[in-house]
N, C-alpha and C. Protein backbone atom coordinates (compact mmCIF):
# COMPACT_ATOMS: atom_id res chain seq x y z
N MET A 1 -30.63 -2.62 -49.91
CA MET A 1 -30.15 -2.13 -48.61
C MET A 1 -30.85 -0.85 -48.20
N GLY A 2 -31.54 -0.20 -49.13
CA GLY A 2 -32.17 1.08 -48.82
C GLY A 2 -33.28 0.94 -47.81
N LYS A 3 -34.16 -0.02 -48.00
CA LYS A 3 -35.31 -0.14 -47.11
C LYS A 3 -34.91 -0.53 -45.69
N PRO A 4 -34.06 -1.56 -45.50
CA PRO A 4 -33.69 -1.89 -44.12
C PRO A 4 -33.03 -0.74 -43.41
N THR A 5 -32.15 0.00 -44.09
CA THR A 5 -31.47 1.13 -43.45
C THR A 5 -32.47 2.18 -43.03
N SER A 6 -33.43 2.49 -43.90
CA SER A 6 -34.46 3.48 -43.62
C SER A 6 -35.30 3.05 -42.42
N ARG A 7 -35.67 1.77 -42.38
CA ARG A 7 -36.48 1.24 -41.27
C ARG A 7 -35.70 1.31 -39.96
N PHE A 8 -34.38 1.08 -40.04
CA PHE A 8 -33.52 1.09 -38.85
C PHE A 8 -33.48 2.48 -38.23
N PHE A 9 -33.30 3.50 -39.11
CA PHE A 9 -33.23 4.88 -38.60
C PHE A 9 -34.58 5.36 -38.10
N GLN A 10 -35.67 4.90 -38.71
CA GLN A 10 -36.99 5.25 -38.22
C GLN A 10 -37.20 4.70 -36.82
N THR A 11 -36.71 3.46 -36.64
CA THR A 11 -36.83 2.84 -35.31
C THR A 11 -36.06 3.64 -34.26
N LEU A 12 -34.82 4.03 -34.60
CA LEU A 12 -34.02 4.83 -33.67
C LEU A 12 -34.67 6.18 -33.39
N LEU A 13 -35.30 6.76 -34.40
CA LEU A 13 -35.90 8.08 -34.26
C LEU A 13 -37.10 8.07 -33.34
N PHE A 14 -37.92 7.04 -33.44
CA PHE A 14 -39.17 7.02 -32.66
C PHE A 14 -39.08 6.19 -31.39
N LEU A 15 -37.98 5.47 -31.17
CA LEU A 15 -37.86 4.62 -29.99
C LEU A 15 -37.93 5.41 -28.69
N PRO A 16 -37.22 6.53 -28.54
CA PRO A 16 -37.28 7.26 -27.26
C PRO A 16 -38.68 7.70 -26.90
N TYR A 17 -39.52 8.02 -27.90
CA TYR A 17 -40.87 8.47 -27.60
C TYR A 17 -41.77 7.32 -27.16
N SER A 18 -41.35 6.10 -27.40
CA SER A 18 -42.17 4.96 -26.99
C SER A 18 -41.81 4.47 -25.60
N TRP A 19 -40.66 4.96 -25.04
CA TRP A 19 -40.28 4.53 -23.69
C TRP A 19 -41.04 5.35 -22.64
N PRO A 20 -41.29 4.76 -21.46
CA PRO A 20 -41.92 5.51 -20.36
C PRO A 20 -40.98 6.62 -19.88
N ILE A 21 -41.57 7.67 -19.34
CA ILE A 21 -40.80 8.83 -18.90
C ILE A 21 -39.86 8.47 -17.76
N ASN A 22 -40.25 7.46 -16.94
CA ASN A 22 -39.42 7.11 -15.78
C ASN A 22 -38.14 6.39 -16.15
N GLY A 23 -37.90 6.17 -17.45
CA GLY A 23 -36.62 5.61 -17.89
C GLY A 23 -36.52 4.12 -17.72
N SER A 24 -37.62 3.41 -17.60
CA SER A 24 -37.55 1.96 -17.42
C SER A 24 -37.18 1.31 -18.74
N CYS A 25 -36.72 0.10 -18.65
CA CYS A 25 -36.27 -0.64 -19.83
C CYS A 25 -37.46 -0.96 -20.73
N PRO A 26 -37.32 -0.83 -22.07
CA PRO A 26 -38.45 -1.10 -22.96
C PRO A 26 -38.87 -2.56 -22.94
N GLU A 27 -37.96 -3.46 -22.51
CA GLU A 27 -38.38 -4.86 -22.43
C GLU A 27 -39.40 -5.08 -21.31
N ASN A 28 -39.37 -4.19 -20.28
CA ASN A 28 -40.29 -4.33 -19.16
C ASN A 28 -40.87 -2.96 -18.85
N PRO A 29 -41.60 -2.40 -19.79
CA PRO A 29 -42.06 -1.02 -19.63
C PRO A 29 -43.04 -0.87 -18.48
N ILE A 30 -42.96 0.30 -17.81
CA ILE A 30 -43.89 0.62 -16.72
C ILE A 30 -44.79 1.74 -17.22
N PRO A 31 -46.07 1.61 -17.06
CA PRO A 31 -46.98 2.66 -17.55
C PRO A 31 -46.59 4.01 -16.99
N THR A 32 -46.74 5.04 -17.85
CA THR A 32 -46.34 6.39 -17.45
C THR A 32 -47.07 6.85 -16.19
N GLU A 33 -48.36 6.62 -16.07
CA GLU A 33 -49.13 7.07 -14.91
C GLU A 33 -48.66 6.39 -13.63
N TYR A 34 -48.27 5.12 -13.76
CA TYR A 34 -47.76 4.41 -12.59
C TYR A 34 -46.45 5.03 -12.13
N GLY A 35 -45.58 5.35 -13.10
CA GLY A 35 -44.30 5.98 -12.74
C GLY A 35 -44.50 7.31 -12.06
N ARG A 36 -45.45 8.10 -12.58
CA ARG A 36 -45.71 9.40 -11.95
C ARG A 36 -46.26 9.22 -10.53
N GLY A 37 -47.14 8.26 -10.36
CA GLY A 37 -47.70 8.01 -9.03
C GLY A 37 -46.64 7.56 -8.04
N ARG A 38 -45.72 6.74 -8.55
CA ARG A 38 -44.65 6.25 -7.66
C ARG A 38 -43.73 7.39 -7.26
N ARG A 39 -43.42 8.30 -8.23
CA ARG A 39 -42.57 9.44 -7.90
C ARG A 39 -43.27 10.36 -6.90
N LYS A 40 -44.56 10.53 -7.04
CA LYS A 40 -45.30 11.37 -6.11
C LYS A 40 -45.30 10.75 -4.72
N ALA A 41 -45.49 9.43 -4.66
CA ALA A 41 -45.47 8.74 -3.37
C ALA A 41 -44.11 8.86 -2.71
N ASN A 42 -43.05 8.78 -3.52
CA ASN A 42 -41.69 8.94 -2.96
C ASN A 42 -41.48 10.33 -2.39
N ARG A 43 -42.00 11.34 -3.13
CA ARG A 43 -41.85 12.72 -2.64
C ARG A 43 -42.60 12.91 -1.33
N VAL A 44 -43.81 12.35 -1.24
CA VAL A 44 -44.60 12.46 0.00
C VAL A 44 -43.89 11.76 1.15
N GLY A 45 -43.32 10.58 0.86
CA GLY A 45 -42.60 9.85 1.90
C GLY A 45 -41.39 10.60 2.41
N LYS A 46 -40.64 11.22 1.48
CA LYS A 46 -39.47 11.99 1.87
C LYS A 46 -39.87 13.21 2.71
N THR A 47 -40.98 13.86 2.31
CA THR A 47 -41.44 15.03 3.06
C THR A 47 -41.85 14.65 4.48
N GLN A 48 -42.57 13.53 4.60
CA GLN A 48 -42.98 13.07 5.92
C GLN A 48 -41.78 12.73 6.79
N PHE A 49 -40.77 12.10 6.19
CA PHE A 49 -39.56 11.75 6.94
C PHE A 49 -38.84 13.01 7.42
N LEU A 50 -38.71 14.01 6.51
CA LEU A 50 -38.04 15.25 6.88
C LEU A 50 -38.79 15.97 7.99
N ASN A 51 -40.14 15.99 7.89
CA ASN A 51 -40.94 16.62 8.95
C ASN A 51 -40.73 15.92 10.28
N PHE A 52 -40.71 14.60 10.26
CA PHE A 52 -40.49 13.82 11.48
C PHE A 52 -39.12 14.11 12.06
N PHE A 53 -38.11 14.16 11.18
CA PHE A 53 -36.73 14.40 11.63
C PHE A 53 -36.59 15.80 12.24
N VAL A 54 -37.19 16.80 11.58
CA VAL A 54 -37.12 18.17 12.09
C VAL A 54 -37.83 18.29 13.43
N MET A 55 -38.99 17.64 13.58
CA MET A 55 -39.72 17.68 14.84
C MET A 55 -38.92 17.04 15.97
N LYS A 56 -38.21 15.97 15.66
CA LYS A 56 -37.36 15.33 16.66
C LYS A 56 -36.27 16.28 17.14
N ILE A 57 -35.65 16.98 16.20
CA ILE A 57 -34.59 17.93 16.55
C ILE A 57 -35.15 19.06 17.40
N LEU A 58 -36.31 19.60 17.00
CA LEU A 58 -36.91 20.69 17.76
C LEU A 58 -37.31 20.26 19.16
N ASN A 59 -37.87 19.06 19.29
CA ASN A 59 -38.25 18.56 20.61
C ASN A 59 -37.03 18.37 21.50
N PHE A 60 -35.94 17.87 20.91
CA PHE A 60 -34.71 17.69 21.69
C PHE A 60 -34.16 19.04 22.14
N ALA A 61 -34.14 20.02 21.23
CA ALA A 61 -33.62 21.35 21.58
C ALA A 61 -34.47 21.99 22.67
N LEU A 62 -35.80 21.83 22.57
CA LEU A 62 -36.69 22.40 23.58
C LEU A 62 -36.47 21.76 24.94
N SER A 63 -36.31 20.43 24.96
CA SER A 63 -36.07 19.75 26.23
C SER A 63 -34.77 20.19 26.87
N MET A 64 -33.74 20.45 26.04
CA MET A 64 -32.47 20.92 26.57
C MET A 64 -32.61 22.32 27.16
N LEU A 65 -33.38 23.19 26.47
CA LEU A 65 -33.58 24.54 26.98
C LEU A 65 -34.34 24.52 28.29
N VAL A 66 -35.37 23.66 28.39
CA VAL A 66 -36.13 23.54 29.64
C VAL A 66 -35.24 23.03 30.75
N SER A 67 -34.40 22.04 30.43
CA SER A 67 -33.49 21.50 31.43
C SER A 67 -32.53 22.56 31.95
N VAL A 68 -31.99 23.35 31.02
CA VAL A 68 -31.07 24.42 31.42
C VAL A 68 -31.79 25.44 32.29
N TYR A 69 -33.03 25.79 31.92
CA TYR A 69 -33.79 26.78 32.68
C TYR A 69 -34.08 26.29 34.10
N VAL A 70 -34.46 25.02 34.23
CA VAL A 70 -34.82 24.47 35.52
C VAL A 70 -33.61 24.34 36.43
N ASN A 71 -32.49 23.86 35.86
CA ASN A 71 -31.32 23.55 36.68
C ASN A 71 -30.43 24.75 36.96
N ALA A 72 -30.44 25.75 36.07
CA ALA A 72 -29.58 26.91 36.27
C ALA A 72 -30.36 27.98 37.02
N GLN A 73 -30.44 27.86 38.35
CA GLN A 73 -31.18 28.80 39.17
C GLN A 73 -30.37 30.08 39.35
N ALA A 74 -31.10 31.21 39.38
CA ALA A 74 -30.44 32.49 39.59
C ALA A 74 -29.93 32.59 41.02
N HIS A 75 -28.76 33.18 41.18
CA HIS A 75 -28.20 33.32 42.53
C HIS A 75 -27.34 34.57 42.60
N PHE A 76 -27.03 34.97 43.83
CA PHE A 76 -26.14 36.10 44.05
C PHE A 76 -24.69 35.63 43.94
N SER A 77 -23.77 36.60 43.93
CA SER A 77 -22.38 36.28 43.63
C SER A 77 -21.56 35.81 44.83
N ALA A 78 -21.99 36.14 46.04
CA ALA A 78 -21.21 35.79 47.22
C ALA A 78 -21.25 34.28 47.47
N VAL A 79 -20.07 33.68 47.66
CA VAL A 79 -19.99 32.25 47.97
C VAL A 79 -20.27 32.06 49.46
N ILE A 80 -21.29 31.27 49.76
CA ILE A 80 -21.67 31.02 51.16
C ILE A 80 -20.91 29.83 51.73
N GLY A 81 -20.65 28.85 50.90
CA GLY A 81 -19.94 27.66 51.37
C GLY A 81 -19.49 26.81 50.21
N THR A 82 -18.91 25.69 50.54
CA THR A 82 -18.43 24.75 49.52
C THR A 82 -18.84 23.33 49.85
N MET A 83 -18.85 22.49 48.84
CA MET A 83 -19.14 21.07 49.00
C MET A 83 -17.87 20.28 48.69
N SER A 84 -17.42 19.47 49.64
CA SER A 84 -16.23 18.65 49.44
C SER A 84 -16.49 17.25 49.96
N ASP A 85 -16.37 16.26 49.04
CA ASP A 85 -16.63 14.85 49.40
C ASP A 85 -18.01 14.67 50.01
N GLY A 86 -18.99 15.42 49.49
CA GLY A 86 -20.36 15.29 49.94
C GLY A 86 -20.66 15.99 51.25
N VAL A 87 -19.69 16.73 51.78
CA VAL A 87 -19.87 17.42 53.06
C VAL A 87 -19.90 18.93 52.81
N PRO A 88 -21.04 19.63 53.13
CA PRO A 88 -21.11 21.07 52.95
C PRO A 88 -20.45 21.81 54.11
N THR A 89 -19.72 22.88 53.78
CA THR A 89 -19.02 23.66 54.81
C THR A 89 -19.23 25.14 54.52
N ILE A 90 -19.56 25.91 55.56
CA ILE A 90 -19.71 27.35 55.42
C ILE A 90 -18.33 28.00 55.32
N THR A 91 -18.14 28.82 54.30
CA THR A 91 -16.88 29.55 54.15
C THR A 91 -17.07 31.06 54.35
N TYR A 92 -18.30 31.51 54.30
CA TYR A 92 -18.62 32.92 54.55
C TYR A 92 -18.32 33.22 56.02
N ASP A 93 -17.81 34.40 56.30
CA ASP A 93 -17.48 34.76 57.68
C ASP A 93 -18.71 34.62 58.58
N LEU A 94 -18.64 33.78 59.60
CA LEU A 94 -19.80 33.44 60.41
C LEU A 94 -20.34 34.63 61.19
N THR A 95 -19.47 35.44 61.73
CA THR A 95 -19.92 36.60 62.50
C THR A 95 -20.71 37.55 61.62
N SER A 96 -20.17 37.84 60.45
CA SER A 96 -20.86 38.73 59.50
C SER A 96 -22.15 38.09 59.02
N LEU A 97 -22.12 36.81 58.75
CA LEU A 97 -23.31 36.09 58.28
C LEU A 97 -24.45 36.21 59.28
N LYS A 98 -24.18 35.94 60.53
CA LYS A 98 -25.22 35.99 61.57
C LYS A 98 -25.75 37.41 61.72
N GLN A 99 -24.87 38.40 61.75
CA GLN A 99 -25.31 39.78 61.93
C GLN A 99 -26.19 40.25 60.78
N GLN A 100 -25.80 39.96 59.55
CA GLN A 100 -26.60 40.37 58.39
C GLN A 100 -27.97 39.69 58.40
N TRP A 101 -27.97 38.43 58.67
CA TRP A 101 -29.22 37.66 58.67
C TRP A 101 -30.15 38.17 59.77
N GLN A 102 -29.63 38.34 60.97
CA GLN A 102 -30.43 38.82 62.10
C GLN A 102 -30.98 40.21 61.83
N SER A 103 -30.19 41.08 61.20
CA SER A 103 -30.62 42.45 60.91
C SER A 103 -31.79 42.48 59.94
N VAL A 104 -31.73 41.64 58.90
CA VAL A 104 -32.82 41.58 57.93
C VAL A 104 -34.10 41.08 58.59
N LEU A 105 -34.00 40.03 59.39
CA LEU A 105 -35.18 39.50 60.08
C LEU A 105 -35.78 40.55 61.02
N ASP A 106 -34.95 41.25 61.74
CA ASP A 106 -35.43 42.27 62.69
C ASP A 106 -36.06 43.45 61.96
N ALA A 107 -35.45 43.91 60.87
CA ALA A 107 -35.94 45.09 60.17
C ALA A 107 -37.14 44.80 59.28
N GLU A 108 -37.15 43.64 58.62
CA GLU A 108 -38.17 43.35 57.62
C GLU A 108 -39.37 42.59 58.17
N SER A 109 -39.20 41.86 59.25
CA SER A 109 -40.31 41.03 59.73
C SER A 109 -40.52 41.09 61.24
N SER A 110 -39.69 41.85 61.93
CA SER A 110 -39.78 41.99 63.39
C SER A 110 -39.54 40.67 64.12
N VAL A 111 -38.87 39.74 63.46
CA VAL A 111 -38.46 38.50 64.13
C VAL A 111 -37.10 38.77 64.76
N GLN A 112 -37.07 38.83 66.06
CA GLN A 112 -35.83 39.11 66.77
C GLN A 112 -35.21 37.79 67.21
N VAL A 113 -34.02 37.55 66.72
CA VAL A 113 -33.36 36.27 67.00
C VAL A 113 -31.86 36.49 67.04
N VAL A 114 -31.22 35.71 67.89
CA VAL A 114 -29.76 35.67 67.94
C VAL A 114 -29.36 34.24 67.60
N PHE A 115 -28.72 34.06 66.44
CA PHE A 115 -28.36 32.72 66.00
C PHE A 115 -27.14 32.22 66.78
N THR A 116 -27.27 31.02 67.30
CA THR A 116 -26.13 30.39 67.97
C THR A 116 -25.58 29.21 67.17
N ASN A 117 -26.38 28.67 66.27
CA ASN A 117 -25.97 27.52 65.47
C ASN A 117 -26.40 27.74 64.03
N VAL A 118 -25.45 27.75 63.12
CA VAL A 118 -25.72 27.95 61.69
C VAL A 118 -24.99 26.87 60.90
N SER A 119 -25.69 26.28 59.90
CA SER A 119 -25.06 25.23 59.09
C SER A 119 -25.76 25.13 57.75
N ILE A 120 -25.15 24.41 56.83
CA ILE A 120 -25.75 24.11 55.52
C ILE A 120 -26.34 22.72 55.59
N LYS A 121 -27.60 22.60 55.18
CA LYS A 121 -28.30 21.32 55.28
C LYS A 121 -28.83 20.88 53.92
N ASP A 122 -28.68 19.59 53.65
CA ASP A 122 -29.21 18.99 52.42
C ASP A 122 -30.61 18.47 52.71
N GLU A 123 -31.61 19.06 52.04
CA GLU A 123 -33.01 18.66 52.24
C GLU A 123 -33.47 17.69 51.16
N GLY A 124 -32.55 17.10 50.45
CA GLY A 124 -32.90 16.11 49.41
C GLY A 124 -32.99 16.73 48.04
N SER A 125 -33.96 17.59 47.82
CA SER A 125 -34.13 18.22 46.51
C SER A 125 -33.66 19.67 46.50
N TYR A 126 -33.18 20.15 47.62
CA TYR A 126 -32.67 21.52 47.70
C TYR A 126 -31.77 21.64 48.93
N PHE A 127 -30.98 22.73 48.94
CA PHE A 127 -30.09 23.00 50.07
C PHE A 127 -30.52 24.28 50.77
N VAL A 128 -30.29 24.33 52.08
CA VAL A 128 -30.61 25.54 52.84
C VAL A 128 -29.49 25.87 53.81
N LEU A 129 -29.36 27.15 54.07
CA LEU A 129 -28.58 27.62 55.20
C LEU A 129 -29.57 27.71 56.35
N VAL A 130 -29.33 26.99 57.43
CA VAL A 130 -30.29 26.94 58.54
C VAL A 130 -29.66 27.52 59.80
N GLY A 131 -30.44 28.32 60.51
CA GLY A 131 -29.96 28.93 61.75
C GLY A 131 -30.94 28.69 62.89
N PHE A 132 -30.39 28.45 64.09
CA PHE A 132 -31.19 28.21 65.29
C PHE A 132 -30.79 29.21 66.37
N ASN A 133 -31.76 29.60 67.20
CA ASN A 133 -31.39 30.37 68.37
C ASN A 133 -31.01 29.40 69.50
N GLU A 134 -30.74 29.93 70.67
CA GLU A 134 -30.16 29.11 71.73
C GLU A 134 -31.06 27.97 72.19
N ASP A 135 -32.37 28.21 72.32
CA ASP A 135 -33.28 27.16 72.80
C ASP A 135 -34.05 26.49 71.66
N ASP A 136 -33.66 26.74 70.43
CA ASP A 136 -34.29 26.14 69.24
C ASP A 136 -35.75 26.54 69.06
N SER A 137 -36.18 27.62 69.67
CA SER A 137 -37.57 28.05 69.53
C SER A 137 -37.79 28.83 68.23
N THR A 138 -36.70 29.30 67.64
CA THR A 138 -36.78 29.97 66.34
C THR A 138 -35.78 29.34 65.40
N LYS A 139 -36.27 28.95 64.23
CA LYS A 139 -35.41 28.39 63.18
C LYS A 139 -35.66 29.19 61.91
N ALA A 140 -34.60 29.45 61.19
CA ALA A 140 -34.72 30.21 59.94
C ALA A 140 -33.86 29.55 58.87
N VAL A 141 -34.29 29.72 57.62
CA VAL A 141 -33.53 29.14 56.51
C VAL A 141 -33.40 30.16 55.38
N ILE A 142 -32.32 30.02 54.63
CA ILE A 142 -32.12 30.72 53.36
C ILE A 142 -31.82 29.64 52.33
N GLU A 143 -32.60 29.59 51.26
CA GLU A 143 -32.36 28.56 50.25
C GLU A 143 -31.08 28.88 49.47
N LEU A 144 -30.30 27.82 49.23
CA LEU A 144 -29.02 27.97 48.54
C LEU A 144 -29.04 27.26 47.19
N VAL A 145 -28.15 27.70 46.33
CA VAL A 145 -27.96 27.07 45.02
C VAL A 145 -26.55 26.48 45.00
N LEU A 146 -26.46 25.19 44.67
CA LEU A 146 -25.16 24.54 44.53
C LEU A 146 -24.78 24.57 43.05
N GLU A 147 -23.72 25.30 42.75
CA GLU A 147 -23.22 25.39 41.39
C GLU A 147 -21.74 25.00 41.40
N GLY A 148 -21.44 23.90 40.72
CA GLY A 148 -20.09 23.35 40.85
C GLY A 148 -19.94 22.81 42.26
N ASN A 149 -18.96 23.28 42.97
CA ASN A 149 -18.76 22.90 44.37
C ASN A 149 -19.00 24.06 45.33
N SER A 150 -19.68 25.11 44.84
CA SER A 150 -19.90 26.30 45.66
C SER A 150 -21.39 26.54 45.90
N PHE A 151 -21.69 27.04 47.09
CA PHE A 151 -23.07 27.39 47.46
C PHE A 151 -23.25 28.90 47.36
N TYR A 152 -24.42 29.30 46.78
CA TYR A 152 -24.77 30.71 46.65
C TYR A 152 -26.20 30.91 47.17
N GLU A 153 -26.48 32.14 47.58
CA GLU A 153 -27.85 32.45 48.00
C GLU A 153 -28.75 32.55 46.78
N LEU A 154 -29.90 31.89 46.84
CA LEU A 154 -30.87 31.93 45.76
C LEU A 154 -31.40 33.35 45.57
N SER A 155 -31.48 33.78 44.32
CA SER A 155 -32.03 35.10 44.00
C SER A 155 -33.44 34.93 43.46
N ILE A 156 -34.37 35.71 43.99
CA ILE A 156 -35.76 35.68 43.55
C ILE A 156 -36.11 37.05 43.01
N ASP A 157 -36.13 37.17 41.69
CA ASP A 157 -36.40 38.46 41.04
C ASP A 157 -35.46 39.54 41.55
N GLY A 158 -34.21 39.18 41.79
CA GLY A 158 -33.23 40.15 42.23
C GLY A 158 -33.17 40.39 43.73
N GLY A 159 -34.00 39.69 44.47
CA GLY A 159 -34.03 39.85 45.92
C GLY A 159 -33.76 38.55 46.64
N GLY A 160 -33.51 38.63 47.94
CA GLY A 160 -33.28 37.44 48.77
C GLY A 160 -34.53 37.06 49.55
N ARG A 161 -34.53 35.83 50.08
CA ARG A 161 -35.67 35.38 50.87
C ARG A 161 -35.19 34.54 52.04
N THR A 162 -35.76 34.77 53.19
CA THR A 162 -35.52 33.93 54.34
C THR A 162 -36.87 33.57 54.97
N VAL A 163 -36.99 32.35 55.42
CA VAL A 163 -38.22 31.86 56.04
C VAL A 163 -37.90 31.42 57.46
N SER A 164 -38.71 31.87 58.41
CA SER A 164 -38.48 31.50 59.81
C SER A 164 -39.73 30.88 60.41
N CYS A 165 -39.54 29.98 61.35
CA CYS A 165 -40.63 29.37 62.11
C CYS A 165 -40.29 29.54 63.59
N SER A 166 -41.23 30.02 64.35
CA SER A 166 -40.97 30.28 65.77
C SER A 166 -42.16 29.89 66.63
N GLY A 167 -41.88 29.65 67.90
CA GLY A 167 -42.94 29.33 68.86
C GLY A 167 -42.77 27.97 69.51
N CYS A 168 -41.99 27.07 68.91
CA CYS A 168 -41.80 25.72 69.45
C CYS A 168 -40.32 25.36 69.37
N ASN A 169 -39.83 24.67 70.40
CA ASN A 169 -38.44 24.21 70.33
C ASN A 169 -38.33 22.74 69.93
N VAL A 170 -39.50 22.13 69.63
CA VAL A 170 -39.53 20.77 69.09
C VAL A 170 -40.37 20.81 67.82
N GLY A 171 -39.82 20.31 66.71
CA GLY A 171 -40.54 20.40 65.44
C GLY A 171 -40.52 21.82 64.92
N CYS A 172 -41.54 22.16 64.13
CA CYS A 172 -41.72 23.53 63.64
C CYS A 172 -40.49 24.01 62.85
N HIS A 173 -40.06 23.21 61.86
CA HIS A 173 -38.91 23.56 61.03
C HIS A 173 -39.39 24.11 59.68
N PRO A 174 -38.73 25.13 59.14
CA PRO A 174 -39.10 25.62 57.80
C PRO A 174 -38.72 24.57 56.75
N LYS A 175 -39.72 24.08 56.03
CA LYS A 175 -39.50 23.08 54.99
C LYS A 175 -40.43 23.33 53.82
N LYS A 176 -39.98 22.88 52.64
CA LYS A 176 -40.81 22.98 51.45
C LYS A 176 -41.72 21.77 51.34
N ALA A 177 -42.99 22.02 51.08
CA ALA A 177 -43.96 20.95 50.84
C ALA A 177 -44.82 21.36 49.67
N ALA A 178 -44.77 20.59 48.60
CA ALA A 178 -45.51 20.90 47.36
C ALA A 178 -45.16 22.29 46.86
N GLY A 179 -43.86 22.65 46.99
CA GLY A 179 -43.40 23.94 46.48
C GLY A 179 -43.67 25.12 47.38
N GLU A 180 -44.31 24.92 48.52
CA GLU A 180 -44.63 26.00 49.45
C GLU A 180 -43.88 25.81 50.75
N TRP A 181 -43.43 26.92 51.33
CA TRP A 181 -42.75 26.86 52.61
C TRP A 181 -43.77 26.69 53.74
N GLN A 182 -43.50 25.71 54.61
CA GLN A 182 -44.36 25.45 55.76
C GLN A 182 -43.51 25.17 56.98
N CYS A 183 -44.13 25.24 58.15
CA CYS A 183 -43.46 24.90 59.41
C CYS A 183 -43.87 23.47 59.78
N LEU A 184 -42.93 22.55 59.65
CA LEU A 184 -43.23 21.13 59.83
C LEU A 184 -42.19 20.46 60.74
N PRO A 185 -42.63 19.45 61.52
CA PRO A 185 -44.03 19.13 61.82
C PRO A 185 -44.58 20.10 62.86
N SER A 186 -45.88 20.12 62.98
CA SER A 186 -46.49 20.98 63.98
C SER A 186 -46.10 20.48 65.37
N CYS A 187 -45.80 21.44 66.26
CA CYS A 187 -45.35 21.03 67.59
C CYS A 187 -46.51 20.55 68.46
N GLY A 188 -47.73 20.98 68.16
CA GLY A 188 -48.90 20.45 68.87
C GLY A 188 -49.25 21.18 70.15
N TYR A 189 -48.27 21.52 70.97
CA TYR A 189 -48.58 22.10 72.27
C TYR A 189 -48.52 23.62 72.26
N ASN A 190 -48.06 24.22 71.19
CA ASN A 190 -47.94 25.67 71.13
C ASN A 190 -48.11 26.11 69.68
N GLU A 191 -48.39 27.38 69.49
CA GLU A 191 -48.57 27.90 68.13
C GLU A 191 -47.23 28.06 67.43
N CYS A 192 -47.14 27.51 66.23
CA CYS A 192 -45.93 27.60 65.41
C CYS A 192 -46.18 28.64 64.33
N THR A 193 -45.41 29.72 64.35
CA THR A 193 -45.65 30.84 63.45
C THR A 193 -44.61 30.88 62.34
N LYS A 194 -45.08 30.94 61.12
CA LYS A 194 -44.18 31.05 59.97
C LYS A 194 -44.10 32.50 59.52
N THR A 195 -42.89 32.94 59.26
CA THR A 195 -42.67 34.28 58.73
C THR A 195 -41.78 34.17 57.50
N GLU A 196 -42.27 34.68 56.38
CA GLU A 196 -41.50 34.64 55.14
C GLU A 196 -41.10 36.06 54.78
N THR A 197 -39.81 36.30 54.71
CA THR A 197 -39.29 37.64 54.48
C THR A 197 -38.57 37.68 53.14
N ILE A 198 -38.93 38.65 52.30
CA ILE A 198 -38.29 38.80 51.00
C ILE A 198 -37.75 40.22 50.87
N THR A 199 -36.48 40.34 50.57
CA THR A 199 -35.92 41.66 50.25
C THR A 199 -36.11 41.91 48.77
N THR A 200 -36.38 43.13 48.40
CA THR A 200 -36.77 43.42 47.03
C THR A 200 -35.62 43.68 46.07
N SER A 201 -34.47 44.08 46.59
CA SER A 201 -33.40 44.50 45.67
C SER A 201 -32.01 44.03 46.05
N LYS A 202 -31.89 43.20 47.07
CA LYS A 202 -30.55 42.77 47.48
C LYS A 202 -30.61 41.40 48.14
N ALA A 203 -29.45 40.85 48.35
CA ALA A 203 -29.36 39.56 49.03
C ALA A 203 -29.52 39.72 50.54
N ILE A 204 -29.90 38.63 51.21
CA ILE A 204 -29.90 38.64 52.67
C ILE A 204 -28.45 38.78 53.14
N LEU A 205 -27.58 38.03 52.47
CA LEU A 205 -26.14 38.05 52.78
C LEU A 205 -25.43 38.73 51.62
N ASP A 206 -25.02 39.98 51.79
CA ASP A 206 -24.36 40.67 50.70
C ASP A 206 -22.83 40.60 50.88
N ASN A 207 -22.13 41.14 49.89
CA ASN A 207 -20.67 41.03 49.88
C ASN A 207 -19.97 41.96 50.85
N SER A 208 -20.68 42.95 51.36
CA SER A 208 -20.02 43.98 52.16
C SER A 208 -19.45 43.45 53.46
N GLY A 209 -20.07 42.38 53.97
CA GLY A 209 -19.60 41.86 55.24
C GLY A 209 -18.73 40.66 55.10
N ASN A 210 -18.36 40.31 53.87
CA ASN A 210 -17.58 39.08 53.65
C ASN A 210 -16.12 39.41 53.40
């Protein structure tokens, strides 16, 4: 019984050293180099997947930040009007609104106008407060921001902007084209003059008159 017992313990002693490092069964051993290569390939695959996953998250976060930046336009605090059932209505005091707007045009651009008709207009991709004089020869706009159900004056680097077109009572409306304000359409029979007025530190319509 001595020899078989000795041989049995020798087998148990050296058996672990004969198995591949990857822990495969000795009946179906896998070469050590193959196991190492497979583990390396798995690590590379996991790294590539993690990189792909992280890039997806970063791209999504960036797109959300861009969306927020584009859609959240800066504006002043005074509420100019409201939107109800798709219909815009001016809530700012009309007398004060006209006086403030006319004063800025007269002082900053020498456009003298008395507004007789003022309303909020949907231009498709943006909203404007639009004003006309009595014979429609002068039209002016202030771009508005719709936030929730309220309209606010757009702020441009802390200042307000109004654009006017004058000289024709047909056509010649202040409109955006390719991101630039223009007087469209041209009236053809008379000169249509565009005047763009920007205040540097305040709104066209401030809270003092509201």
